[in-house]
Protein backbone atom coordinates (compact mmCIF):
# COMPACT_ATOMS: atom_id res chain seq x y z
CA MET A 1 -73.74 7.66 278.34
CA SER A 2 -72.35 8.33 274.83
CA ARG A 3 -74.52 7.92 271.73
CA SER A 4 -72.47 4.87 270.63
CA ASP A 5 -72.97 3.21 274.03
CA LEU A 6 -76.73 3.81 273.82
CA ILE A 7 -76.90 2.29 270.32
CA ARG A 8 -74.92 -0.74 271.50
CA ARG A 9 -77.19 -1.30 274.49
CA ARG A 10 -80.33 -1.07 272.35
CA SER A 11 -78.93 -3.50 269.81
CA VAL A 12 -78.13 -6.06 272.51
CA LEU A 13 -81.63 -5.84 273.99
CA ALA A 14 -83.17 -6.13 270.53
CA GLY A 15 -81.22 -9.32 269.92
CA LEU A 16 -82.36 -11.09 273.05
CA GLY A 17 -85.40 -12.67 271.37
CA SER A 18 -86.34 -15.78 273.31
CA LEU A 19 -83.15 -15.90 275.37
CA PRO A 20 -83.86 -16.62 279.04
CA ALA A 21 -81.58 -13.92 280.45
CA LEU A 22 -82.29 -10.19 280.72
CA ALA A 23 -79.88 -7.40 281.72
CA LEU A 24 -78.87 -3.92 280.60
CA ALA A 25 -75.10 -3.27 280.30
CA GLY A 26 -71.85 -4.59 278.83
CA CYS A 27 -68.12 -3.95 278.60
CA ASP A 28 -65.15 -4.83 276.42
CA ALA A 29 -63.76 -8.37 276.46
CA PRO A 30 -60.12 -9.02 277.39
CA ALA A 31 -57.61 -10.58 275.04
CA PRO A 32 -57.78 -14.41 274.99
CA ILE A 33 -55.40 -16.20 277.34
CA THR A 34 -53.82 -19.61 277.10
CA ARG A 35 -55.74 -22.00 279.33
CA LYS A 36 -56.84 -25.58 279.68
CA VAL A 37 -59.46 -26.67 277.17
CA LEU A 38 -62.90 -27.01 278.77
CA SER A 39 -65.16 -29.76 277.45
CA MET A 40 -68.46 -27.96 278.05
CA GLN A 41 -69.93 -25.42 275.64
CA GLY A 42 -70.35 -22.68 278.20
CA ARG A 43 -72.84 -19.86 278.12
CA GLU A 44 -71.50 -16.55 276.90
CA VAL A 45 -71.77 -13.39 278.97
CA LEU A 46 -74.78 -11.58 277.64
CA LEU A 47 -74.28 -8.38 279.59
CA LEU A 48 -72.07 -7.08 282.39
CA VAL A 49 -73.16 -4.64 285.11
CA SER A 50 -71.19 -3.05 287.96
CA ALA A 51 -72.75 -2.98 291.43
CA GLN A 52 -73.95 0.42 292.62
CA PRO A 53 -73.35 1.82 296.13
CA THR A 54 -76.51 2.39 298.14
CA THR A 55 -77.91 2.19 301.67
CA ASP A 56 -80.69 0.08 303.14
CA GLY A 57 -82.16 -0.82 306.50
CA ALA A 58 -81.26 1.85 309.06
CA GLY A 59 -78.39 3.14 306.93
CA VAL A 60 -76.29 0.06 306.18
CA LYS A 61 -73.89 0.76 303.31
CA LEU A 62 -73.88 -1.89 300.60
CA SER A 63 -73.42 -2.56 296.89
CA ARG A 64 -76.45 -3.54 294.79
CA SER A 65 -75.87 -5.40 291.53
CA LEU A 66 -79.39 -6.72 290.87
CA GLY A 67 -82.50 -4.65 291.48
CA THR A 68 -81.14 -1.41 290.01
CA ARG A 69 -82.10 0.82 287.09
CA GLU A 70 -79.51 -0.96 284.95
CA LEU A 71 -80.65 -4.46 285.90
CA GLU A 72 -84.11 -4.51 287.47
CA MET A 73 -84.42 -8.30 287.80
CA LEU A 74 -83.45 -11.60 286.21
CA ASP A 75 -86.47 -13.86 286.65
CA PRO A 76 -86.79 -15.38 289.26
CA PHE A 77 -84.09 -13.25 290.96
CA LEU A 78 -85.18 -9.82 292.18
CA MET A 79 -82.22 -8.31 294.05
CA LEU A 80 -78.63 -9.02 295.10
CA ASP A 81 -76.83 -6.91 297.71
CA GLU A 82 -73.29 -7.28 299.02
CA PHE A 83 -72.32 -5.71 302.35
CA HIS A 84 -68.55 -5.60 302.82
CA THR A 85 -66.96 -3.17 305.24
CA ASP A 86 -64.78 -3.07 308.34
CA ARG A 87 -66.15 0.35 309.35
CA ALA A 88 -68.58 -0.31 312.19
CA GLU A 89 -70.52 2.87 311.42
CA ASP A 90 -71.39 1.37 308.02
CA TYR A 91 -73.32 -1.58 309.48
CA LEU A 92 -74.07 -1.18 313.21
CA ALA A 93 -77.55 0.27 312.63
CA GLY A 94 -78.49 -2.99 310.93
CA PHE A 95 -81.91 -3.87 309.57
CA PRO A 96 -84.51 -3.24 312.33
CA ASP A 97 -88.05 -4.65 312.16
CA HIS A 98 -89.42 -4.56 308.61
CA PRO A 99 -92.08 -6.53 306.72
CA HIS A 100 -91.93 -8.87 303.71
CA ARG A 101 -94.60 -10.55 301.60
CA GLY A 102 -94.64 -12.52 298.35
CA PHE A 103 -91.05 -13.67 297.88
CA GLU A 104 -87.98 -15.28 299.50
CA THR A 105 -84.85 -13.75 301.04
CA VAL A 106 -81.49 -15.50 301.19
CA THR A 107 -78.74 -14.32 303.53
CA TYR A 108 -75.23 -15.72 303.07
CA MET A 109 -72.44 -14.70 305.46
CA ILE A 110 -68.76 -14.66 304.52
CA HIS A 111 -67.43 -12.91 307.62
CA GLY A 112 -68.97 -11.49 310.77
CA ALA A 113 -72.23 -12.31 312.54
CA MET A 114 -75.90 -11.26 312.30
CA GLU A 115 -78.86 -12.13 314.51
CA HIS A 116 -82.32 -12.75 313.10
CA ARG A 117 -85.61 -12.29 314.99
CA ASP A 118 -89.16 -12.29 313.67
CA SER A 119 -92.81 -11.77 314.54
CA LEU A 120 -93.43 -15.54 314.73
CA GLY A 121 -90.94 -15.97 317.58
CA ASN A 122 -88.08 -17.35 315.48
CA GLN A 123 -84.54 -16.35 316.38
CA GLY A 124 -81.16 -17.38 315.00
CA ARG A 125 -77.54 -16.37 314.58
CA LEU A 126 -75.79 -16.26 311.22
CA GLY A 127 -72.01 -16.63 311.38
CA PRO A 128 -69.29 -17.03 308.74
CA GLY A 129 -70.28 -19.56 306.08
CA SER A 130 -73.91 -19.89 307.21
CA VAL A 131 -77.03 -19.45 305.08
CA GLN A 132 -80.63 -18.56 305.82
CA TRP A 133 -83.29 -19.13 303.16
CA MET A 134 -86.50 -17.44 304.32
CA THR A 135 -89.80 -17.86 302.51
CA ALA A 136 -91.76 -14.75 303.52
CA GLY A 137 -94.92 -16.00 301.83
CA SER A 138 -98.09 -14.40 303.20
CA GLY A 139 -96.15 -12.06 305.44
CA ILE A 140 -93.59 -11.69 308.18
CA ILE A 141 -91.96 -8.90 310.16
CA HIS A 142 -88.34 -9.51 311.04
CA SER A 143 -85.04 -7.87 311.91
CA GLU A 144 -81.41 -8.65 311.05
CA MET A 145 -78.95 -6.98 313.38
CA PRO A 146 -75.14 -7.18 313.68
CA LYS A 147 -73.76 -9.26 316.54
CA GLN A 148 -70.43 -7.45 316.59
CA VAL A 149 -69.33 -3.91 317.37
CA SER A 150 -66.16 -3.87 315.25
CA GLY A 151 -64.32 -5.78 312.55
CA LEU A 152 -65.23 -6.96 309.07
CA MET A 153 -68.88 -7.56 308.14
CA TRP A 154 -69.20 -9.33 304.78
CA GLY A 155 -72.12 -11.11 303.25
CA PHE A 156 -74.96 -11.09 300.75
CA GLN A 157 -78.72 -10.84 300.57
CA LEU A 158 -80.56 -12.26 297.59
CA TRP A 159 -84.28 -11.89 296.85
CA VAL A 160 -86.04 -14.67 294.92
CA ASN A 161 -89.57 -14.34 293.58
CA LEU A 162 -92.47 -16.71 294.28
CA PRO A 163 -95.20 -17.65 291.78
CA ALA A 164 -98.72 -16.34 292.37
CA LYS A 165 -99.92 -19.66 293.77
CA LEU A 166 -97.30 -19.52 296.56
CA LYS A 167 -97.19 -15.82 297.40
CA MET A 168 -99.58 -16.32 300.31
CA THR A 169 -98.04 -19.56 301.54
CA ARG A 170 -97.10 -19.98 305.20
CA PRO A 171 -93.70 -18.44 306.04
CA ARG A 172 -90.83 -20.83 306.70
CA TYR A 173 -87.08 -20.84 307.33
CA GLN A 174 -84.10 -22.96 306.42
CA ASP A 175 -81.27 -21.96 308.78
CA LEU A 176 -78.13 -23.73 307.65
CA ALA A 177 -74.93 -23.89 309.70
CA PRO A 178 -71.57 -23.89 307.84
CA GLU A 179 -70.94 -27.57 308.58
CA THR A 180 -74.15 -28.57 306.76
CA ILE A 181 -72.97 -27.04 303.47
CA PRO A 182 -70.96 -29.51 301.38
CA GLU A 183 -67.69 -28.54 299.72
CA THR A 184 -66.30 -30.15 296.59
CA GLN A 185 -63.66 -29.77 293.89
CA ILE A 186 -64.79 -29.10 290.32
CA GLY A 187 -61.85 -28.82 287.98
CA ASP A 188 -59.38 -26.62 289.82
CA ALA A 189 -62.07 -24.80 291.78
CA THR A 190 -63.20 -25.20 295.37
CA VAL A 191 -66.99 -25.05 295.50
CA ARG A 192 -69.44 -24.66 298.39
CA VAL A 193 -72.82 -26.05 297.31
CA LEU A 194 -75.55 -23.99 298.99
CA ALA A 195 -78.43 -25.09 296.76
CA GLY A 196 -78.75 -27.48 293.85
CA LEU A 197 -76.37 -30.18 292.62
CA ALA A 198 -72.70 -29.68 291.74
CA GLY A 199 -69.69 -31.98 291.69
CA GLY A 200 -71.78 -34.87 292.97
CA LYS A 201 -72.84 -32.90 296.06
CA ARG A 202 -76.31 -31.58 296.80
CA GLY A 203 -76.81 -28.40 298.78
CA PRO A 204 -78.97 -28.45 301.93
CA VAL A 205 -81.55 -25.92 300.69
CA GLU A 206 -84.63 -27.87 299.63
CA GLY A 207 -88.25 -27.48 298.56
CA ILE A 208 -87.76 -24.29 296.53
CA VAL A 209 -90.13 -23.96 293.58
CA THR A 210 -87.62 -22.21 291.28
CA ASP A 211 -85.18 -25.16 291.54
CA PRO A 212 -82.22 -22.88 292.33
CA LEU A 213 -78.52 -23.51 291.96
CA MET A 214 -76.39 -21.42 294.33
CA LEU A 215 -72.63 -21.99 294.46
CA ASP A 216 -69.74 -20.16 296.12
CA VAL A 217 -66.83 -20.83 293.74
CA THR A 218 -63.13 -20.09 294.30
CA VAL A 219 -60.90 -20.46 291.24
CA PRO A 220 -57.12 -20.42 291.87
CA ALA A 221 -54.58 -18.71 289.63
CA ALA A 222 -54.46 -20.41 286.21
CA GLY A 223 -57.45 -22.53 287.28
CA THR A 224 -60.67 -23.49 285.49
CA PHE A 225 -64.25 -24.41 286.44
CA GLN A 226 -67.32 -25.69 284.63
CA GLN A 227 -70.86 -26.47 285.75
CA PRO A 228 -73.95 -27.68 283.84
CA ILE A 229 -77.08 -25.53 284.08
CA PRO A 230 -80.56 -26.56 282.88
CA ALA A 231 -81.34 -25.00 279.52
CA ASP A 232 -84.55 -23.40 280.82
CA HIS A 233 -82.85 -21.66 283.78
CA ASN A 234 -81.69 -18.06 283.91
CA ALA A 235 -78.19 -17.69 285.34
CA PHE A 236 -75.65 -15.10 286.46
CA LEU A 237 -72.29 -14.81 288.19
CA TYR A 238 -71.37 -12.17 290.76
CA VAL A 239 -67.63 -11.75 291.26
CA PHE A 240 -66.73 -10.71 294.81
CA ASP A 241 -62.97 -11.23 294.76
CA GLY A 242 -60.37 -11.06 291.99
CA SER A 243 -61.48 -11.51 288.40
CA ILE A 244 -63.02 -14.28 286.30
CA ASP A 245 -62.95 -14.94 282.55
CA ILE A 246 -66.30 -16.42 281.54
CA GLY A 247 -67.50 -18.53 278.64
CA PRO A 248 -65.87 -19.40 275.30
CA GLY A 249 -65.30 -15.69 274.67
CA ARG A 250 -63.36 -15.29 277.94
CA ARG A 251 -65.40 -12.20 278.88
CA ARG A 252 -63.80 -10.77 282.00
CA ALA A 253 -65.81 -9.87 285.09
CA ASN A 254 -64.02 -8.07 287.90
CA ARG A 255 -64.80 -7.69 291.57
CA GLY A 256 -68.20 -6.07 292.08
CA GLN A 257 -69.58 -7.00 288.66
CA ILE A 258 -72.54 -9.21 287.79
CA ALA A 259 -72.34 -11.21 284.56
CA VAL A 260 -75.69 -12.22 283.06
CA LEU A 261 -75.35 -15.43 281.06
CA GLY A 262 -76.97 -16.24 277.75
CA PRO A 263 -78.31 -19.63 276.63
CA GLY A 264 -76.21 -22.79 276.70
CA GLU A 265 -75.58 -26.03 278.50
CA GLY A 266 -73.63 -24.59 281.41
CA VAL A 267 -71.00 -22.14 282.58
CA THR A 268 -67.24 -22.27 282.08
CA ALA A 269 -64.85 -19.98 283.92
CA ALA A 270 -61.13 -19.42 284.34
CA SER A 271 -58.91 -17.00 286.23
CA GLU A 272 -55.42 -15.73 285.54
CA SER A 273 -54.68 -14.62 289.10
CA SER A 274 -57.57 -16.21 291.11
CA GLY A 275 -61.14 -15.14 291.69
CA ARG A 276 -64.23 -15.95 293.72
CA PHE A 277 -67.84 -15.65 292.69
CA LEU A 278 -71.43 -16.62 293.39
CA LEU A 279 -73.11 -18.64 290.66
CA LEU A 280 -76.92 -18.39 290.68
CA ALA A 281 -79.36 -20.14 288.38
CA GLY A 282 -83.10 -20.64 288.66
CA LYS A 283 -86.19 -21.51 286.66
CA PRO A 284 -88.01 -18.33 285.58
CA ILE A 285 -91.57 -17.85 286.80
CA GLY A 286 -92.80 -15.84 283.83
CA GLU A 287 -95.51 -13.88 285.66
CA PRO A 288 -96.17 -10.14 286.02
CA VAL A 289 -94.22 -8.54 288.85
CA ALA A 290 -95.52 -5.68 291.00
CA ARG A 291 -93.13 -4.54 293.71
CA TYR A 292 -93.08 -1.81 296.28
CA GLY A 293 -90.38 -1.75 298.95
CA PRO A 294 -90.54 -5.05 300.87
CA PHE A 295 -93.59 -6.39 299.00
CA VAL A 296 -93.47 -8.33 295.73
CA MET A 297 -96.81 -9.39 294.23
CA ASN A 298 -98.37 -9.77 290.77
CA THR A 299 -100.65 -6.72 290.65
CA LYS A 300 -100.87 -3.19 292.04
CA GLU A 301 -104.06 -4.17 293.81
CA GLU A 302 -102.20 -6.91 295.70
CA ILE A 303 -99.51 -4.40 296.68
CA ARG A 304 -102.18 -2.05 298.03
CA GLN A 305 -103.66 -4.96 300.00
CA ALA A 306 -100.23 -5.81 301.45
CA LEU A 307 -99.72 -2.20 302.54
CA ASP A 308 -103.19 -2.09 304.09
CA ASP A 309 -102.62 -5.42 305.88
CA TYR A 310 -99.31 -4.17 307.28
CA GLN A 311 -100.72 -0.83 308.43
CA SER A 312 -103.72 -2.49 310.06
CA GLY A 313 -101.70 -5.23 311.75
CA ARG A 314 -103.06 -8.06 309.59
CA LEU A 315 -99.87 -8.89 307.64
CA VAL A 316 -98.70 -11.65 309.95
CA LYS A 317 -101.10 -14.58 310.08
CA SER A 318 -101.48 -16.41 313.38
């Protein structure tokens, strides 16, 4: 990183003040383009970060945009991974049995199929367009394995924190088939509403303490989109196809980039040649975070207890 880049990054962080969003990188904005006038005062892009290649599970290759050195978390969101490959050797090893405690995992499939099994006897299949919102709570051991031996595997896993009072809650699942997820038009965009309210449609995910909004938004060429977001919610976009120009400043985010949004009444977006993105917003928890691998608690002592419970076979409550 050059000295000028370091100075710019420090100045941005210093100016955050009481803003609800937190991130660590930026890039140059494109020249303004002629587009329809949007009525909403959209949030500006605070910072822009490119996803980093990594591996997880038993060697699955993926791109991580949230939960990295550049962007550790955006309360209440802890991690966002995208897996997107048609090379079977990149995903066949899958995610064998592994534990979780203290947070929630969200799996969203675009293409391909995964099978879920856990220590409580639950089992399910995730196909294209399906969502699983798992509250790990007090503890669970589960696996997520590919149900295909070739072809494209494409999807996401999001981690969402839980407040201290719910970290030891009973685990639960919301397995949502594609046909249960409403689709609507907002402006020129086609929107799948996974969680929250958008375009008069409410997503099927319910009972989540952080009151999340999760949308899969496709903006056509020369199209626009806008969506209100509660003022006290943190929000970001992750572009996974094409490019999107965001906010009044038309800050451009390209495929594989996460755009952390500043304060405002909502998000506005446009695309010159089409783009598709996830829009995530949630109410921040505002508590200390201690994390180690698959455990997310409030203190180091609680992490040590989680490790001890797992090693002694006490993690999963009967």
